[in-house]
Amino acid sequence: MRMIEFIKEFLGFIINRKKFWLIPILFFLFIFGGLIVLTQGTAIAPFIYTIF
């Protein structure tokens, strides 16, 4: 339950403070983080790390 409350509060912060530029940054961080976790230990992993 605490994570859901945190997400609600964070989204409220973004909307109230008009910090909409944070949304694409968080989106790409989430995508790249998920990609690294999913490809960990596979043959694709060295190609993912070259992005950074």
PDB file of N, CA and C in Angstrom:
ATOM      1  N   MET A   1       0.810  -1.194   0.000  1.00  0.00           N
ATOM      2  CA  MET A   1       0.000   0.000   0.000  1.00  0.00           C
ATOM      3  C   MET A   1       0.859   1.267   0.000  1.00  0.00           C
ATOM      4  N   ARG A   2       2.029   1.204   0.613  1.00  0.00           N
ATOM      5  CA  ARG A   2       2.854   2.398   0.692  1.00  0.00           C
ATOM      6  C   ARG A   2       3.336   2.834  -0.690  1.00  0.00           C
ATOM      7  N   MET A   3       3.608   1.871  -1.565  1.00  0.00           N
ATOM      8  CA  MET A   3       4.097   2.215  -2.898  1.00  0.00           C
ATOM      9  C   MET A   3       3.009   2.919  -3.702  1.00  0.00           C
ATOM     10  N   ILE A   4       1.774   2.463  -3.569  1.00  0.00           N
ATOM     11  CA  ILE A   4       0.665   3.100  -4.285  1.00  0.00           C
ATOM     12  C   ILE A   4       0.485   4.534  -3.793  1.00  0.00           C
ATOM     13  N   GLU A   5       0.592   4.734  -2.483  1.00  0.00           N
ATOM     14  CA  GLU A   5       0.477   6.084  -1.931  1.00  0.00           C
ATOM     15  C   GLU A   5       1.609   6.978  -2.427  1.00  0.00           C
ATOM     16  N   PHE A   6       2.806   6.413  -2.517  1.00  0.00           N
ATOM     17  CA  PHE A   6       3.944   7.186  -3.020  1.00  0.00           C
ATOM     18  C   PHE A   6       3.715   7.602  -4.468  1.00  0.00           C
ATOM     19  N   ILE A   7       3.229   6.683  -5.288  1.00  0.00           N
ATOM     20  CA  ILE A   7       2.987   6.990  -6.695  1.00  0.00           C
ATOM     21  C   ILE A   7       1.917   8.063  -6.832  1.00  0.00           C
ATOM     22  N   LYS A   8       0.845   7.964  -6.047  1.00  0.00           N
ATOM     23  CA  LYS A   8      -0.202   8.991  -6.082  1.00  0.00           C
ATOM     24  C   LYS A   8       0.350  10.351  -5.680  1.00  0.00           C
ATOM     25  N   GLU A   9       1.141  10.380  -4.622  1.00  0.00           N
ATOM     26  CA  GLU A   9       1.708  11.642  -4.160  1.00  0.00           C
ATOM     27  C   GLU A   9       2.680  12.216  -5.183  1.00  0.00           C
ATOM     28  N   PHE A  10       3.480  11.352  -5.810  1.00  0.00           N
ATOM     29  CA  PHE A  10       4.433  11.818  -6.810  1.00  0.00           C
ATOM     30  C   PHE A  10       3.718  12.374  -8.035  1.00  0.00           C
ATOM     31  N   LEU A  11       2.671  11.689  -8.485  1.00  0.00           N
ATOM     32  CA  LEU A  11       1.910  12.205  -9.623  1.00  0.00           C
ATOM     33  C   LEU A  11       1.225  13.524  -9.274  1.00  0.00           C
ATOM     34  N   GLY A  12       0.730  13.634  -8.040  1.00  0.00           N
ATOM     35  CA  GLY A  12       0.154  14.897  -7.588  1.00  0.00           C
ATOM     36  C   GLY A  12       1.183  16.014  -7.598  1.00  0.00           C
ATOM     37  N   PHE A  13       2.415  15.710  -7.190  1.00  0.00           N
ATOM     38  CA  PHE A  13       3.501  16.683  -7.223  1.00  0.00           C
ATOM     39  C   PHE A  13       3.765  17.146  -8.651  1.00  0.00           C
ATOM     40  N   ILE A  14       3.836  16.189  -9.583  1.00  0.00           N
ATOM     41  CA  ILE A  14       4.114  16.536 -10.979  1.00  0.00           C
ATOM     42  C   ILE A  14       3.017  17.442 -11.536  1.00  0.00           C
ATOM     43  N   ILE A  15       1.771  17.124 -11.224  1.00  0.00           N
ATOM     44  CA  ILE A  15       0.652  17.907 -11.754  1.00  0.00           C
ATOM     45  C   ILE A  15       0.588  19.282 -11.089  1.00  0.00           C
ATOM     46  N   ASN A  16       0.734  19.334  -9.769  1.00  0.00           N
ATOM     47  CA  ASN A  16       0.629  20.613  -9.058  1.00  0.00           C
ATOM     48  C   ASN A  16       1.774  21.558  -9.380  1.00  0.00           C
ATOM     49  N   ARG A  17       2.968  21.040  -9.512  1.00  0.00           N
ATOM     50  CA  ARG A  17       4.145  21.880  -9.757  1.00  0.00           C
ATOM     51  C   ARG A  17       4.430  22.083 -11.241  1.00  0.00           C
ATOM     52  N   LYS A  18       3.606  21.484 -12.103  1.00  0.00           N
ATOM     53  CA  LYS A  18       3.762  21.597 -13.561  1.00  0.00           C
ATOM     54  C   LYS A  18       5.142  21.130 -14.011  1.00  0.00           C
ATOM     55  N   LYS A  19       5.586  20.008 -13.482  1.00  0.00           N
ATOM     56  CA  LYS A  19       6.887  19.428 -13.830  1.00  0.00           C
ATOM     57  C   LYS A  19       6.695  18.298 -14.845  1.00  0.00           C
ATOM     58  N   PHE A  20       6.007  18.599 -15.928  1.00  0.00           N
ATOM     59  CA  PHE A  20       5.683  17.574 -16.916  1.00  0.00           C
ATOM     60  C   PHE A  20       6.915  17.049 -17.646  1.00  0.00           C
ATOM     61  N   TRP A  21       8.020  17.774 -17.592  1.00  0.00           N
ATOM     62  CA  TRP A  21       9.242  17.324 -18.254  1.00  0.00           C
ATOM     63  C   TRP A  21       9.831  16.108 -17.549  1.00  0.00           C
ATOM     64  N   LEU A  22       9.390  15.812 -16.316  1.00  0.00           N
ATOM     65  CA  LEU A  22       9.882  14.632 -15.605  1.00  0.00           C
ATOM     66  C   LEU A  22       9.307  13.325 -16.166  1.00  0.00           C
ATOM     67  N   ILE A  23       8.133  13.410 -16.765  1.00  0.00           N
ATOM     68  CA  ILE A  23       7.452  12.196 -17.232  1.00  0.00           C
ATOM     69  C   ILE A  23       8.269  11.439 -18.280  1.00  0.00           C
ATOM     70  N   PRO A  24       8.779  12.078 -19.344  1.00  0.00           N
ATOM     71  CA  PRO A  24       9.585  11.312 -20.320  1.00  0.00           C
ATOM     72  C   PRO A  24      10.876  10.747 -19.719  1.00  0.00           C
ATOM     73  N   ILE A  25      11.489  11.494 -18.801  1.00  0.00           N
ATOM     74  CA  ILE A  25      12.720  11.006 -18.171  1.00  0.00           C
ATOM     75  C   ILE A  25      12.434   9.746 -17.374  1.00  0.00           C
ATOM     76  N   LEU A  26      11.386   9.771 -16.575  1.00  0.00           N
ATOM     77  CA  LEU A  26      11.022   8.600 -15.781  1.00  0.00           C
ATOM     78  C   LEU A  26      10.612   7.429 -16.665  1.00  0.00           C
ATOM     79  N   PHE A  27       9.939   7.723 -17.768  1.00  0.00           N
ATOM     80  CA  PHE A  27       9.525   6.671 -18.701  1.00  0.00           C
ATOM     81  C   PHE A  27      10.739   5.936 -19.268  1.00  0.00           C
ATOM     82  N   PHE A  28      11.733   6.693 -19.738  1.00  0.00           N
ATOM     83  CA  PHE A  28      12.912   6.064 -20.319  1.00  0.00           C
ATOM     84  C   PHE A  28      13.751   5.342 -19.266  1.00  0.00           C
ATOM     85  N   LEU A  29      13.829   5.888 -18.060  1.00  0.00           N
ATOM     86  CA  LEU A  29      14.537   5.188 -16.991  1.00  0.00           C
ATOM     87  C   LEU A  29      13.864   3.860 -16.675  1.00  0.00           C
ATOM     88  N   PHE A  30      12.546   3.857 -16.638  1.00  0.00           N
ATOM     89  CA  PHE A  30      11.807   2.631 -16.374  1.00  0.00           C
ATOM     90  C   PHE A  30      12.016   1.609 -17.489  1.00  0.00           C
ATOM     91  N   ILE A  31      11.962   2.055 -18.737  1.00  0.00           N
ATOM     92  CA  ILE A  31      12.145   1.152 -19.886  1.00  0.00           C
ATOM     93  C   ILE A  31      13.559   0.563 -19.888  1.00  0.00           C
ATOM     94  N   PHE A  32      14.582   1.408 -19.752  1.00  0.00           N
ATOM     95  CA  PHE A  32      15.956   0.908 -19.771  1.00  0.00           C
ATOM     96  C   PHE A  32      16.246   0.016 -18.569  1.00  0.00           C
ATOM     97  N   GLY A  33      15.713   0.377 -17.405  1.00  0.00           N
ATOM     98  CA  GLY A  33      15.904  -0.461 -16.219  1.00  0.00           C
ATOM     99  C   GLY A  33      15.273  -1.824 -16.392  1.00  0.00           C
ATOM    100  N   GLY A  34      14.064  -1.854 -16.926  1.00  0.00           N
ATOM    101  CA  GLY A  34      13.394  -3.132 -17.184  1.00  0.00           C
ATOM    102  C   GLY A  34      14.124  -3.945 -18.232  1.00  0.00           C
ATOM    103  N   LEU A  35      14.645  -3.275 -19.242  1.00  0.00           N
ATOM    104  CA  LEU A  35      15.386  -3.972 -20.298  1.00  0.00           C
ATOM    105  C   LEU A  35      16.654  -4.605 -19.746  1.00  0.00           C
ATOM    106  N   ILE A  36      17.344  -3.908 -18.875  1.00  0.00           N
ATOM    107  CA  ILE A  36      18.560  -4.457 -18.278  1.00  0.00           C
ATOM    108  C   ILE A  36      18.232  -5.649 -17.382  1.00  0.00           C
ATOM    109  N   VAL A  37      17.170  -5.538 -16.611  1.00  0.00           N
ATOM    110  CA  VAL A  37      16.794  -6.646 -15.721  1.00  0.00           C
ATOM    111  C   VAL A  37      16.362  -7.867 -16.526  1.00  0.00           C
ATOM    112  N   LEU A  38      15.595  -7.654 -17.577  1.00  0.00           N
ATOM    113  CA  LEU A  38      15.103  -8.780 -18.372  1.00  0.00           C
ATOM    114  C   LEU A  38      16.195  -9.463 -19.181  1.00  0.00           C
ATOM    115  N   THR A  39      17.208  -8.723 -19.608  1.00  0.00           N
ATOM    116  CA  THR A  39      18.250  -9.317 -20.447  1.00  0.00           C
ATOM    117  C   THR A  39      19.490  -9.698 -19.657  1.00  0.00           C
ATOM    118  N   GLN A  40      19.434  -9.612 -18.365  1.00  0.00           N
ATOM    119  CA  GLN A  40      20.601  -9.946 -17.539  1.00  0.00           C
ATOM    120  C   GLN A  40      20.945 -11.430 -17.716  1.00  0.00           C
ATOM    121  N   GLY A  41      22.159 -11.683 -18.079  1.00  0.00           N
ATOM    122  CA  GLY A  41      22.613 -13.051 -18.234  1.00  0.00           C
ATOM    123  C   GLY A  41      22.346 -13.650 -19.606  1.00  0.00           C
ATOM    124  N   THR A  42      21.886 -12.855 -20.551  1.00  0.00           N
ATOM    125  CA  THR A  42      21.656 -13.386 -21.896  1.00  0.00           C
ATOM    126  C   THR A  42      22.714 -12.835 -22.851  1.00  0.00           C
ATOM    127  N   ALA A  43      22.639 -13.266 -24.086  1.00  0.00           N
ATOM    128  CA  ALA A  43      23.595 -12.820 -25.089  1.00  0.00           C
ATOM    129  C   ALA A  43      23.340 -11.376 -25.505  1.00  0.00           C
ATOM    130  N   ILE A  44      22.177 -10.826 -25.171  1.00  0.00           N
ATOM    131  CA  ILE A  44      21.846  -9.448 -25.554  1.00  0.00           C
ATOM    132  C   ILE A  44      22.471  -8.437 -24.602  1.00  0.00           C
ATOM    133  N   ALA A  45      22.815  -8.850 -23.399  1.00  0.00           N
ATOM    134  CA  ALA A  45      23.289  -7.941 -22.356  1.00  0.00           C
ATOM    135  C   ALA A  45      24.464  -7.051 -22.802  1.00  0.00           C
ATOM    136  N   PRO A  46      25.495  -7.557 -23.485  1.00  0.00           N
ATOM    137  CA  PRO A  46      26.586  -6.649 -23.889  1.00  0.00           C
ATOM    138  C   PRO A  46      26.134  -5.540 -24.829  1.00  0.00           C
ATOM    139  N   PHE A  47      25.132  -5.805 -25.640  1.00  0.00           N
ATOM    140  CA  PHE A  47      24.640  -4.773 -26.550  1.00  0.00           C
ATOM    141  C   PHE A  47      23.838  -3.724 -25.809  1.00  0.00           C
ATOM    142  N   ILE A  48      23.133  -4.111 -24.761  1.00  0.00           N
ATOM    143  CA  ILE A  48      22.365  -3.165 -23.949  1.00  0.00           C
ATOM    144  C   ILE A  48      23.319  -2.223 -23.221  1.00  0.00           C
ATOM    145  N   TYR A  49      24.412  -2.732 -22.695  1.00  0.00           N
ATOM    146  CA  TYR A  49      25.344  -1.901 -21.939  1.00  0.00           C
ATOM    147  C   TYR A  49      26.088  -0.911 -22.834  1.00  0.00           C
ATOM    148  N   THR A  50      26.162  -1.155 -24.132  1.00  0.00           N
ATOM    149  CA  THR A  50      26.812  -0.195 -25.005  1.00  0.00           C
ATOM    150  C   THR A  50      25.966   1.059 -25.197  1.00  0.00           C
ATOM    151  N   ILE A  51      24.683   0.994 -24.886  1.00  0.00           N
ATOM    152  CA  ILE A  51      23.828   2.178 -24.975  1.00  0.00           C
ATOM    153  C   ILE A  51      24.288   3.223 -23.978  1.00  0.00           C
ATOM    154  N   PHE A  52      24.763   2.780 -22.830  1.00  0.00           N
ATOM    155  CA  PHE A  52      25.170   3.708 -21.791  1.00  0.00           C
ATOM    156  C   PHE A  52      26.636   4.016 -21.895  1.00  0.00           C
TER     157      PHE A  52
END
